[in-house]
């Protein structure tokens, strides 16, 4: 049986035309993503701007949400349950934890819905589908920026002195954003193929909130040993600790912590991207 391409296929290949709905090679896929990067940036900006436009307070809710959650957790865990033991500046510790966990949680939630929530866009336009979860997490980063400004105002009010480590905050947040993008790519594919996964994500995020030291010190409550090592080195806890280390003087900012944060970000992004790319031709087909 002859395997020679047909004249039409040869003509299409000669002019750089390719079959629609076929996963392109990884290098070409990355090149196309780079060419369409402005599309992802514009999509992220529009998502971030439109999120609270239907409310009277508009974009102010991007600041109020984490502040209100921090107040609730301060009342429950700082006053009623007294989980402040082992932490000198518990208010600063809690505020940073709530703000940054909210960022990770929102990135994973919106990123997981990037494919199933944009079927109209997928069926009408040809572009690398990975741009959708990337744009979703980028939108969360855009929303986080004014919240970080509020955070930089609140932390000194808790008695925390200014320090040079505050300059490292963008790098710490950037690593957390890269990690969130990798997780979003994984979740976007899983939810696209198995819609029931979407129902499980809130439960996983709630479990992560309780084991990541958002409102308590892992070292103080868990102590040492295998359990403490696992909890303190899982990625969400690492990024909370890293951001706290840049802003709070009582949290040590060690090279090992940076190494863990960079390692989680790089590995998750690479594996998540490859995992998502492998199913490129399936997106938008039901």
Protein backbone atom coordinates (compact mmCIF):
# COMPACT_ATOMS: atom_id res chain seq x y z
CA UNK A 1 0.00 0.00 0.00
CA UNK A 2 1.40 3.40 -1.00
CA UNK A 3 2.04 5.90 1.79
CA UNK A 4 2.91 8.81 -0.49
CA UNK A 5 0.90 11.99 0.27
CA UNK A 6 -1.84 12.99 -2.14
CA UNK A 7 -1.23 15.94 -4.50
CA UNK A 8 -3.59 18.14 -2.42
CA UNK A 9 -1.83 17.22 0.82
CA UNK A 10 1.55 17.96 -0.77
CA UNK A 11 0.26 21.32 -2.05
CA UNK A 12 -1.08 22.23 1.40
CA UNK A 13 2.20 21.28 3.08
CA UNK A 14 4.13 23.32 0.52
CA UNK A 15 2.19 26.44 1.52
CA UNK A 16 2.39 25.81 5.26
CA UNK A 17 -1.20 24.65 5.67
CA UNK A 18 -2.07 22.01 8.26
CA UNK A 19 -5.09 19.93 9.22
CA UNK A 20 -7.47 21.60 11.68
CA UNK A 21 -7.96 19.90 15.05
CA UNK A 22 -4.62 18.04 15.06
CA UNK A 23 -2.15 18.53 17.90
CA UNK A 24 0.83 20.44 16.50
CA UNK A 25 4.42 19.62 17.45
CA UNK A 26 5.44 21.09 20.76
CA UNK A 27 7.93 23.56 19.29
CA UNK A 28 5.39 24.95 16.81
CA UNK A 29 2.77 25.04 19.54
CA UNK A 30 5.03 27.16 21.75
CA UNK A 31 5.88 29.45 18.84
CA UNK A 32 2.20 29.98 18.08
CA UNK A 33 1.50 30.72 21.73
CA UNK A 34 4.20 33.37 21.70
CA UNK A 35 2.67 34.92 18.58
CA UNK A 36 -0.75 34.99 20.29
CA UNK A 37 0.54 36.28 23.65
CA UNK A 38 -1.23 39.62 23.21
CA UNK A 39 -4.52 37.75 22.84
CA UNK A 40 -3.94 36.06 26.22
CA UNK A 41 -3.02 39.38 27.86
CA UNK A 42 -6.10 41.12 26.45
CA UNK A 43 -8.34 38.23 27.48
CA UNK A 44 -6.91 38.29 31.01
CA UNK A 45 -7.42 42.04 31.30
CA UNK A 46 -11.02 41.85 30.12
CA UNK A 47 -11.78 38.98 32.52
CA UNK A 48 -10.30 40.85 35.47
CA UNK A 49 -12.17 44.06 34.61
CA UNK A 50 -15.55 42.43 33.94
CA UNK A 51 -15.58 40.26 37.07
CA UNK A 52 -17.26 42.74 39.43
CA UNK A 53 -18.75 45.21 36.98
CA UNK A 54 -22.32 44.15 37.80
CA UNK A 55 -21.94 45.13 41.46
CA UNK A 56 -22.42 48.61 42.90
CA UNK A 57 -18.92 48.65 44.36
CA UNK A 58 -17.39 47.24 41.19
CA UNK A 59 -13.67 46.49 41.42
CA UNK A 60 -13.60 47.41 45.11
CA UNK A 61 -14.77 43.85 45.77
CA UNK A 62 -11.40 42.59 44.59
CA UNK A 63 -10.03 44.27 47.73
CA UNK A 64 -12.96 43.70 50.07
CA UNK A 65 -13.21 39.92 49.58
CA UNK A 66 -9.82 38.95 51.05
CA UNK A 67 -10.13 41.65 53.76
CA UNK A 68 -13.53 40.34 54.88
CA UNK A 69 -12.28 36.74 54.86
CA UNK A 70 -9.29 37.79 56.94
CA UNK A 71 -11.63 39.42 59.48
CA UNK A 72 -13.78 36.29 59.66
CA UNK A 73 -10.76 34.03 60.16
CA UNK A 74 -9.30 36.44 62.72
CA UNK A 75 -12.52 36.21 64.75
CA UNK A 76 -12.87 32.43 64.48
CA UNK A 77 -9.28 31.23 64.65
CA UNK A 78 -7.58 34.13 66.41
CA UNK A 79 -10.20 34.92 69.04
CA UNK A 80 -12.50 31.92 69.47
CA UNK A 81 -10.07 29.05 68.80
CA UNK A 82 -6.87 30.94 69.63
CA UNK A 83 -4.65 29.46 66.93
CA UNK A 84 -2.33 32.44 67.31
CA UNK A 85 -0.05 30.46 69.62
CA UNK A 86 3.50 30.31 68.29
CA UNK A 87 3.05 33.46 66.14
CA UNK A 88 4.03 36.91 67.42
CA UNK A 89 2.35 39.02 64.75
CA UNK A 90 -0.71 36.84 64.23
CA UNK A 91 -2.74 39.53 62.44
CA UNK A 92 -0.01 40.03 59.83
CA UNK A 93 0.51 36.25 59.62
CA UNK A 94 -3.21 35.68 59.03
CA UNK A 95 -3.75 38.54 56.58
CA UNK A 96 -0.87 37.42 54.35
CA UNK A 97 -2.05 33.81 54.50
CA UNK A 98 -5.64 34.64 53.57
CA UNK A 99 -4.70 36.98 50.73
CA UNK A 100 -2.25 34.57 49.14
CA UNK A 101 -4.33 31.44 49.64
CA UNK A 102 -7.26 33.25 48.04
CA UNK A 103 -5.02 33.93 45.04
CA UNK A 104 -4.06 30.26 44.65
CA UNK A 105 -7.62 29.07 45.20
CA UNK A 106 -9.08 31.50 42.65
CA UNK A 107 -6.35 30.65 40.10
CA UNK A 108 -7.08 26.92 40.30
CA UNK A 109 -10.87 27.39 40.28
CA UNK A 110 -11.03 29.73 37.28
CA UNK A 111 -8.25 27.89 35.45
CA UNK A 112 -10.05 24.56 35.76
CA UNK A 113 -13.08 26.10 34.04
CA UNK A 114 -11.06 27.67 31.22
CA UNK A 115 -11.98 25.09 28.56
CA UNK A 116 -15.56 24.17 29.46
CA UNK A 117 -16.42 27.81 30.07
CA UNK A 118 -15.15 29.05 26.70
CA UNK A 119 -16.63 26.56 24.24
CA UNK A 120 -17.96 29.32 22.00
CA UNK A 121 -14.52 30.85 21.70
CA UNK A 122 -12.91 27.46 21.09
CA UNK A 123 -15.31 26.46 18.31
CA UNK A 124 -15.14 29.80 16.52
CA UNK A 125 -11.42 30.63 16.62
CA UNK A 126 -8.21 28.70 16.00
CA UNK A 127 -5.53 29.34 18.63
CA UNK A 128 -3.48 27.33 21.16
CA UNK A 129 -6.00 26.27 23.80
CA UNK A 130 -3.38 26.54 26.54
CA UNK A 131 -3.80 30.30 26.31
CA UNK A 132 -7.20 29.98 28.01
CA UNK A 133 -6.07 28.62 31.40
CA UNK A 134 -2.99 30.83 31.20
CA UNK A 135 -5.19 33.88 30.66
CA UNK A 136 -7.47 32.82 33.51
CA UNK A 137 -4.61 32.69 36.02
CA UNK A 138 -3.16 35.90 34.61
CA UNK A 139 -6.52 37.56 35.27
CA UNK A 140 -6.25 36.49 38.91
CA UNK A 141 -2.77 38.02 39.04
CA UNK A 142 -4.13 41.30 37.66
CA UNK A 143 -6.86 41.22 40.30
CA UNK A 144 -4.27 40.50 43.00
CA UNK A 145 -2.19 43.61 42.27
CA UNK A 146 -4.49 46.13 44.03
CA UNK A 147 -4.97 43.61 46.84
CA UNK A 148 -1.19 43.50 47.30
CA UNK A 149 -1.20 47.29 47.66
CA UNK A 150 -3.76 46.94 50.44
CA UNK A 151 -1.63 44.18 51.98
CA UNK A 152 1.41 46.47 52.01
CA UNK A 153 -0.70 49.01 53.91
CA UNK A 154 -2.17 46.52 56.39
CA UNK A 155 1.06 44.74 57.33
CA UNK A 156 2.81 47.86 58.72
CA UNK A 157 -0.35 48.65 60.70
CA UNK A 158 0.18 45.37 62.56
CA UNK A 159 3.50 46.71 63.83
CA UNK A 160 5.71 45.10 61.21
CA UNK A 161 8.74 47.24 60.30
CA UNK A 162 9.76 47.91 56.72
CA UNK A 163 12.62 45.72 55.49
CA UNK A 164 14.60 45.18 52.29
CA UNK A 165 12.98 41.76 51.91
CA UNK A 166 9.78 43.54 50.90
CA UNK A 167 11.47 44.09 47.53
CA UNK A 168 11.37 40.32 47.00
CA UNK A 169 7.56 40.21 47.19
CA UNK A 170 7.05 40.39 43.38
CA UNK A 171 9.41 37.43 42.89
CA UNK A 172 7.61 35.37 45.54
CA UNK A 173 4.21 36.17 44.03
CA UNK A 174 5.58 35.43 40.55
CA UNK A 175 6.64 31.93 41.59
CA UNK A 176 3.21 31.31 43.09
CA UNK A 177 1.61 32.53 39.85
CA UNK A 178 3.75 30.14 37.79
CA UNK A 179 2.76 27.26 40.04
CA UNK A 180 -0.92 28.22 39.78
CA UNK A 181 -0.66 28.28 36.00
CA UNK A 182 0.73 24.75 35.95
CA UNK A 183 -2.05 23.46 38.20
CA UNK A 184 -4.66 25.30 36.12
CA UNK A 185 -3.41 23.58 32.95
CA UNK A 186 -3.79 20.17 34.60
CA UNK A 187 -7.24 20.94 36.01
CA UNK A 188 -8.46 22.48 32.75
CA UNK A 189 -7.76 19.25 30.87
CA UNK A 190 -9.21 17.04 33.61
CA UNK A 191 -12.43 19.06 33.85
CA UNK A 192 -12.70 19.16 30.05
CA UNK A 193 -12.55 15.36 29.86
CA UNK A 194 -14.36 14.48 33.11
CA UNK A 195 -16.82 17.19 34.20
CA UNK A 196 -17.25 15.55 37.62
CA UNK A 197 -13.73 16.66 38.55
CA UNK A 198 -15.06 20.21 38.75
CA UNK A 199 -17.24 19.19 41.69
CA UNK A 200 -14.24 17.79 43.57
CA UNK A 201 -11.99 20.84 43.24
CA UNK A 202 -13.72 22.92 45.99
CA UNK A 203 -13.28 20.03 48.44
CA UNK A 204 -9.59 19.69 47.58
CA UNK A 205 -9.08 23.44 48.00
CA UNK A 206 -10.88 23.43 51.34
CA UNK A 207 -8.65 20.58 52.53
CA UNK A 208 -5.56 22.50 51.36
CA UNK A 209 -6.71 25.53 53.32
CA UNK A 210 -6.78 23.53 56.54
CA UNK A 211 -3.40 21.83 56.05
CA UNK A 212 -1.39 24.73 54.60
CA UNK A 213 -1.07 26.92 57.67
CA UNK A 214 -3.33 29.71 56.48
CA UNK A 215 -4.43 30.55 60.03
CA UNK A 216 -2.00 28.60 62.21
CA UNK A 217 1.71 27.81 62.44
CA UNK A 218 2.47 24.35 61.09
CA UNK A 219 5.71 24.19 63.08
CA UNK A 220 3.93 25.02 66.34
CA UNK A 221 0.90 22.75 65.97
CA UNK A 222 2.39 19.80 64.07
CA UNK A 223 5.91 19.95 65.47
CA UNK A 224 8.61 17.84 63.83
CA UNK A 225 8.60 14.51 62.07
CA UNK A 226 7.31 13.17 58.79
CA UNK A 227 3.87 14.78 59.00
CA UNK A 228 5.32 18.21 59.68
CA UNK A 229 7.85 17.83 56.83
CA UNK A 230 5.14 16.83 54.34
CA UNK A 231 2.76 19.62 55.35
CA UNK A 232 5.40 22.35 55.38
CA UNK A 233 6.91 21.35 52.02
CA UNK A 234 3.71 20.90 50.04
CA UNK A 235 3.49 23.75 47.51
CA UNK A 236 0.65 25.85 48.91
CA UNK A 237 2.29 25.98 52.34
CA UNK A 238 5.65 26.78 50.71
CA UNK A 239 4.26 29.82 48.88
CA UNK A 240 2.41 31.11 51.94
CA UNK A 241 5.64 30.81 53.92
CA UNK A 242 7.63 32.48 51.16
CA UNK A 243 5.39 35.53 50.92
CA UNK A 244 5.26 35.76 54.71
CA UNK A 245 9.04 35.60 54.77
CA UNK A 246 9.28 38.66 52.52
CA UNK A 247 6.90 40.73 54.69
CA UNK A 248 7.17 39.40 58.26
CA UNK A 249 10.40 39.59 60.23
CA UNK A 250 9.59 36.53 62.37
CA UNK A 251 9.37 34.19 59.34
CA UNK A 252 12.86 33.16 58.12
CA UNK A 253 13.48 33.59 54.40
CA UNK A 254 15.93 30.77 53.71
CA UNK A 255 17.60 29.64 50.46
CA UNK A 256 15.95 26.25 50.93
CA UNK A 257 12.53 27.89 50.93
CA UNK A 258 13.33 29.68 47.66
CA UNK A 259 14.59 26.41 46.19
CA UNK A 260 11.39 24.58 47.09
CA UNK A 261 9.26 27.41 45.68
CA UNK A 262 11.22 27.56 42.41
CA UNK A 263 11.24 23.77 42.10
CA UNK A 264 7.48 23.42 42.59
CA UNK A 265 6.83 26.23 40.10
CA UNK A 266 9.11 24.86 37.36
CA UNK A 267 8.10 21.20 37.68
CA UNK A 268 4.38 21.95 37.88
CA UNK A 269 4.44 24.31 34.91
CA UNK A 270 6.39 21.94 32.65
CA UNK A 271 4.39 18.83 33.55
CA UNK A 272 1.11 20.73 33.47
CA UNK A 273 1.83 22.24 30.07
CA UNK A 274 2.86 18.93 28.49
CA UNK A 275 -0.15 17.20 30.04
CA UNK A 276 -2.48 19.85 28.61
CA UNK A 277 -0.80 19.92 25.18
CA UNK A 278 -1.19 16.16 24.75
CA UNK A 279 -4.99 16.58 24.59
CA UNK A 280 -4.97 19.71 22.39
CA UNK A 281 -6.99 18.10 19.59
CA UNK A 282 -9.79 17.03 22.00
CA UNK A 283 -10.77 20.45 23.31
CA UNK A 284 -14.03 21.76 21.92
CA UNK A 285 -15.29 18.35 20.76
CA UNK A 286 -18.01 17.89 23.35
